[in-house]
């Protein structure tokens, strides 16, 4: 997020992202996919400005040594007014989608996800019509309005559930209260390590406590970023109003000073 409240987030898009080939004659207007988010954040304030920039730049894939390939990504971009777009790279062409629901996951392509949503728009209405005299008084507790949403952890199912949660979220009066609501929704999408393993096997990485390494929420109006990690679910914040954007050096700060949960032991307080 930059000082104007614009946020740019990169999401994995394996199997779908295909960047334009590098052309020497377009070198002056070419960016690698990993250079694109910081470029947008240092040149733009709104999604309209991002669209204008994207019409002028050529985005290419450059191999990232740590993963042995060009990162297959698509971007979710939101400005301080809440306008959201999704930028994808399909068959060498940049495609920009307006995203009024403000949600994004991974593959397939964003237009496919939006078509898939049409299968569920009558979900709550259809549920209300399901009346069988003998069972009319049977209830399943809170949450029945989402009865029928897929519960698996694939990206199409996750997008359906986050769209349903976001569209029914309680009204909040300010940024801090909205932060609570955002994390309550996002915490439904933490992926356990085993569930994210291909074929159901274990991921051989002792440093991973979750397949969701970190969770981030942005207050684009008040310019505050919040996050928690797989190691420590205590929410931390970065207030961009107090950051010196004219600093002459890059300052790096680890997501976790200590990779463990800070637990408040109240035992002695009860004696």
Protein backbone atom coordinates (compact mmCIF):
# COMPACT_ATOMS: atom_id res chain seq x y z
CA UNK A 1 0.00 0.00 0.00
CA UNK A 2 1.26 3.48 -0.77
CA UNK A 3 0.68 6.85 0.91
CA UNK A 4 -2.36 7.51 -1.32
CA UNK A 5 -4.20 4.41 -0.12
CA UNK A 6 -3.63 2.38 -3.30
CA UNK A 7 -3.04 -1.32 -2.62
CA UNK A 8 -1.51 -3.79 -5.06
CA UNK A 9 -1.47 -7.48 -4.18
CA UNK A 10 -0.06 -10.36 -6.22
CA UNK A 11 -1.84 -13.73 -6.25
CA UNK A 12 -0.62 -17.03 -7.67
CA UNK A 13 -2.11 -17.78 -11.08
CA UNK A 14 -0.32 -20.96 -12.09
CA UNK A 15 -1.52 -22.57 -15.29
CA UNK A 16 -3.10 -19.34 -16.54
CA UNK A 17 -0.56 -16.49 -16.40
CA UNK A 18 1.34 -16.19 -19.67
CA UNK A 19 3.32 -12.97 -20.16
CA UNK A 20 4.22 -11.13 -23.34
CA UNK A 21 7.58 -12.03 -24.92
CA UNK A 22 10.40 -9.60 -24.37
CA UNK A 23 10.91 -7.21 -27.27
CA UNK A 24 14.14 -5.16 -27.43
CA UNK A 25 12.33 -2.35 -29.24
CA UNK A 26 10.04 -1.99 -26.19
CA UNK A 27 12.79 -2.11 -23.59
CA UNK A 28 12.02 1.39 -22.31
CA UNK A 29 8.45 0.41 -21.48
CA UNK A 30 9.04 -3.14 -20.27
CA UNK A 31 8.69 -4.37 -16.68
CA UNK A 32 9.13 -7.77 -15.12
CA UNK A 33 6.09 -9.12 -13.29
CA UNK A 34 7.80 -8.73 -9.88
CA UNK A 35 8.73 -5.11 -10.69
CA UNK A 36 5.14 -4.24 -11.61
CA UNK A 37 3.56 -3.90 -8.10
CA UNK A 38 6.21 -1.47 -6.75
CA UNK A 39 6.10 0.46 -10.03
CA UNK A 40 2.33 0.92 -9.76
CA UNK A 41 2.62 1.92 -6.11
CA UNK A 42 5.25 4.57 -6.86
CA UNK A 43 3.42 6.08 -9.84
CA UNK A 44 -0.32 5.72 -9.22
CA UNK A 45 -2.98 6.81 -6.74
CA UNK A 46 -6.17 5.39 -8.28
CA UNK A 47 -7.29 2.38 -10.29
CA UNK A 48 -7.95 4.68 -13.25
CA UNK A 49 -4.31 5.74 -13.18
CA UNK A 50 -3.27 2.08 -12.97
CA UNK A 51 -5.35 1.32 -16.08
CA UNK A 52 -3.63 4.16 -17.93
CA UNK A 53 -0.18 2.92 -16.93
CA UNK A 54 -1.00 -0.67 -17.92
CA UNK A 55 -1.94 0.52 -21.43
CA UNK A 56 1.63 1.77 -21.84
CA UNK A 57 3.78 -0.96 -20.31
CA UNK A 58 4.84 -4.38 -21.53
CA UNK A 59 4.95 -6.98 -18.72
CA UNK A 60 7.28 -9.95 -19.15
CA UNK A 61 8.19 -12.96 -17.07
CA UNK A 62 11.72 -13.23 -15.69
CA UNK A 63 12.83 -16.41 -13.94
CA UNK A 64 12.93 -16.07 -10.16
CA UNK A 65 15.83 -18.28 -8.96
CA UNK A 66 14.12 -19.24 -5.70
CA UNK A 67 11.31 -21.04 -7.57
CA UNK A 68 13.07 -21.77 -10.86
CA UNK A 69 10.52 -20.04 -13.10
CA UNK A 70 8.81 -16.73 -13.78
CA UNK A 71 6.22 -16.28 -11.02
CA UNK A 72 2.75 -16.92 -12.49
CA UNK A 73 0.77 -14.04 -11.01
CA UNK A 74 -2.28 -11.86 -11.39
CA UNK A 75 -2.86 -8.66 -9.43
CA UNK A 76 -5.69 -7.29 -7.33
CA UNK A 77 -5.62 -3.48 -7.12
CA UNK A 78 -7.82 -1.33 -4.85
CA UNK A 79 -7.74 2.43 -4.31
CA UNK A 80 -8.78 4.60 -1.36
CA UNK A 81 -12.34 4.93 -2.74
CA UNK A 82 -12.76 1.16 -2.81
CA UNK A 83 -12.54 0.80 -6.59
CA UNK A 84 -11.04 -2.59 -7.41
CA UNK A 85 -9.60 -4.09 -10.59
CA UNK A 86 -7.94 -7.39 -11.41
CA UNK A 87 -4.99 -7.45 -13.83
CA UNK A 88 -4.25 -10.71 -15.62
CA UNK A 89 -1.79 -11.81 -18.28
CA UNK A 90 -3.43 -14.24 -20.67
CA UNK A 91 -1.63 -15.60 -23.75
CA UNK A 92 0.76 -12.66 -23.75
CA UNK A 93 -1.98 -10.04 -23.47
CA UNK A 94 -2.77 -7.84 -20.47
CA UNK A 95 -6.43 -8.15 -19.47
CA UNK A 96 -8.03 -5.82 -16.90
CA UNK A 97 -11.32 -6.63 -15.18
CA UNK A 98 -13.40 -4.28 -13.07
CA UNK A 99 -14.05 -6.13 -9.81
CA UNK A 100 -17.03 -4.51 -8.04
CA UNK A 101 -17.29 -7.38 -5.54
CA UNK A 102 -13.70 -6.67 -4.46
CA UNK A 103 -12.72 -10.35 -4.21
CA UNK A 104 -10.00 -12.43 -5.85
CA UNK A 105 -8.39 -15.83 -5.33
CA UNK A 106 -6.19 -17.84 -7.69
CA UNK A 107 -7.08 -19.67 -10.91
CA UNK A 108 -8.96 -19.95 -13.21
CA UNK A 109 -9.26 -16.55 -14.88
CA UNK A 110 -11.31 -13.81 -13.22
CA UNK A 111 -14.06 -13.83 -15.85
CA UNK A 112 -14.50 -17.58 -15.23
CA UNK A 113 -14.95 -16.92 -11.50
CA UNK A 114 -17.60 -14.29 -12.23
CA UNK A 115 -19.48 -16.68 -14.51
CA UNK A 116 -19.30 -19.33 -11.81
CA UNK A 117 -20.86 -16.93 -9.29
CA UNK A 118 -24.02 -16.87 -11.42
CA UNK A 119 -24.66 -20.47 -10.33
CA UNK A 120 -25.19 -19.28 -6.75
CA UNK A 121 -26.93 -15.90 -6.93
CA UNK A 122 -30.30 -17.43 -5.95
CA UNK A 123 -28.85 -19.47 -3.11
CA UNK A 124 -30.63 -17.82 -0.17
CA UNK A 125 -33.87 -17.34 -2.11
CA UNK A 126 -33.94 -20.97 -3.15
CA UNK A 127 -33.30 -22.10 0.41
CA UNK A 128 -36.25 -20.09 1.68
CA UNK A 129 -38.53 -21.85 -0.81
CA UNK A 130 -37.57 -25.32 0.39
CA UNK A 131 -40.53 -26.05 2.61
CA UNK A 132 -41.65 -29.56 3.40
CA UNK A 133 -44.51 -29.63 5.87
CA UNK A 134 -43.05 -32.39 8.01
CA UNK A 135 -39.66 -30.68 8.16
CA UNK A 136 -40.70 -27.02 8.15
CA UNK A 137 -39.66 -26.51 11.78
CA UNK A 138 -36.24 -28.16 11.44
CA UNK A 139 -33.37 -25.68 11.71
CA UNK A 140 -29.64 -26.03 11.42
CA UNK A 141 -28.61 -22.97 13.42
CA UNK A 142 -26.93 -19.83 12.15
CA UNK A 143 -25.34 -19.94 8.72
CA UNK A 144 -28.10 -21.74 6.86
CA UNK A 145 -28.34 -18.90 4.34
CA UNK A 146 -25.08 -20.21 2.83
CA UNK A 147 -26.38 -23.78 2.64
CA UNK A 148 -25.22 -25.14 -0.72
CA UNK A 149 -21.96 -23.20 -1.04
CA UNK A 150 -19.06 -25.58 -1.74
CA UNK A 151 -16.90 -26.15 1.32
CA UNK A 152 -13.68 -27.42 -0.27
CA UNK A 153 -10.43 -25.46 -0.32
CA UNK A 154 -10.03 -24.97 -4.07
CA UNK A 155 -9.74 -21.39 -5.32
CA UNK A 156 -13.17 -21.41 -7.12
CA UNK A 157 -14.90 -22.51 -3.91
CA UNK A 158 -12.94 -20.06 -1.79
CA UNK A 159 -13.93 -17.17 -4.05
CA UNK A 160 -17.60 -18.13 -3.77
CA UNK A 161 -17.43 -18.19 0.02
CA UNK A 162 -15.46 -14.97 0.41
CA UNK A 163 -17.86 -13.20 -1.99
CA UNK A 164 -20.80 -14.47 0.07
CA UNK A 165 -19.16 -13.39 3.33
CA UNK A 166 -18.16 -9.98 2.01
CA UNK A 167 -21.60 -9.24 0.56
CA UNK A 168 -23.32 -10.09 3.86
CA UNK A 169 -20.77 -8.52 6.22
CA UNK A 170 -22.14 -6.38 9.03
CA UNK A 171 -22.01 -2.62 8.62
CA UNK A 172 -19.05 -1.09 10.44
CA UNK A 173 -18.65 2.53 11.59
CA UNK A 174 -14.90 3.03 11.17
CA UNK A 175 -11.63 1.56 9.99
CA UNK A 176 -10.74 -0.20 13.23
CA UNK A 177 -14.07 -1.99 13.47
CA UNK A 178 -13.84 -2.90 9.79
CA UNK A 179 -10.45 -4.44 10.52
CA UNK A 180 -12.12 -6.81 13.01
CA UNK A 181 -14.68 -7.80 10.40
CA UNK A 182 -12.06 -8.29 7.69
CA UNK A 183 -9.99 -10.66 9.80
CA UNK A 184 -13.06 -12.59 10.93
CA UNK A 185 -13.88 -13.24 7.29
CA UNK A 186 -10.32 -13.92 6.17
CA UNK A 187 -9.69 -16.34 9.02
CA UNK A 188 -12.16 -18.71 7.33
CA UNK A 189 -9.60 -19.18 4.57
CA UNK A 190 -6.46 -20.23 6.42
CA UNK A 191 -5.24 -23.43 4.74
CA UNK A 192 -3.67 -26.13 6.93
CA UNK A 193 -0.39 -27.44 5.54
CA UNK A 194 -1.72 -30.94 4.87
CA UNK A 195 -4.81 -29.76 3.04
CA UNK A 196 -2.73 -27.75 0.60
CA UNK A 197 -0.39 -30.63 -0.27
CA UNK A 198 -0.69 -32.14 -3.72
CA UNK A 199 -2.37 -35.54 -3.58
CA UNK A 200 -3.11 -35.15 0.11
CA UNK A 201 0.47 -35.84 1.15
CA UNK A 202 2.52 -33.89 3.67
CA UNK A 203 4.66 -30.91 2.74
CA UNK A 204 8.23 -31.57 3.82
CA UNK A 205 8.97 -28.19 5.34
CA UNK A 206 9.37 -27.98 9.09
CA UNK A 207 9.21 -24.17 9.03
CA UNK A 208 5.62 -24.13 7.76
CA UNK A 209 2.88 -24.07 10.37
CA UNK A 210 0.26 -23.18 7.78
CA UNK A 211 -0.09 -23.03 4.01
CA UNK A 212 -1.36 -19.48 4.64
CA UNK A 213 1.85 -17.77 5.71
CA UNK A 214 0.34 -14.38 6.47
CA UNK A 215 -3.01 -12.58 6.34
CA UNK A 216 -3.24 -8.87 5.56
CA UNK A 217 -5.99 -6.26 5.84
CA UNK A 218 -5.77 -2.67 4.56
CA UNK A 219 -7.57 0.42 5.78
CA UNK A 220 -7.28 2.37 2.52
CA UNK A 221 -9.03 5.44 3.92
CA UNK A 222 -6.90 5.89 7.03
CA UNK A 223 -3.76 4.40 5.39
CA UNK A 224 -3.14 1.62 7.90
CA UNK A 225 -1.99 -1.90 7.07
CA UNK A 226 -2.73 -4.79 9.47
CA UNK A 227 -1.43 -8.35 9.41
CA UNK A 228 -0.89 -11.53 11.36
CA UNK A 229 1.21 -14.55 10.43
CA UNK A 230 1.18 -18.32 10.67
CA UNK A 231 3.53 -18.07 13.67
CA UNK A 232 1.75 -15.37 15.64
CA UNK A 233 -1.90 -14.43 15.25
CA UNK A 234 -1.51 -11.20 17.18
CA UNK A 235 -2.51 -8.42 14.78
CA UNK A 236 0.20 -5.88 14.02
CA UNK A 237 -0.22 -2.57 12.21
CA UNK A 238 1.79 -0.20 10.06
CA UNK A 239 0.46 3.37 9.90
CA UNK A 240 1.56 4.81 6.58
CA UNK A 241 0.74 8.33 7.76
CA UNK A 242 3.83 8.11 9.97
CA UNK A 243 6.18 6.61 7.38
CA UNK A 244 8.87 8.78 5.80
CA UNK A 245 8.39 8.11 2.09
CA UNK A 246 11.32 10.40 1.29
CA UNK A 247 13.77 8.20 3.16
CA UNK A 248 17.07 7.61 1.41
CA UNK A 249 17.37 3.95 2.34
CA UNK A 250 15.18 0.86 2.34
CA UNK A 251 14.17 -0.30 5.79
CA UNK A 252 13.31 -3.96 6.20
CA UNK A 253 11.41 -5.40 9.13
CA UNK A 254 10.71 -9.10 9.68
CA UNK A 255 7.09 -10.22 9.74
CA UNK A 256 7.84 -11.94 13.07
CA UNK A 257 10.51 -10.84 15.53
CA UNK A 258 10.01 -14.23 17.20
CA UNK A 259 8.33 -17.07 15.35
CA UNK A 260 6.01 -18.12 18.12
CA UNK A 261 2.59 -17.16 19.41
CA UNK A 262 2.63 -14.60 22.25
CA UNK A 263 0.30 -16.18 24.79
CA UNK A 264 -1.04 -14.24 27.77
CA UNK A 265 -0.89 -16.72 30.65
CA UNK A 266 -3.59 -15.57 33.10
CA UNK A 267 -3.04 -18.41 35.59
CA UNK A 268 -1.27 -16.25 38.19
CA UNK A 269 -3.89 -13.53 37.85
CA UNK A 270 -6.52 -15.95 39.11
CA UNK A 271 -4.73 -16.87 42.34
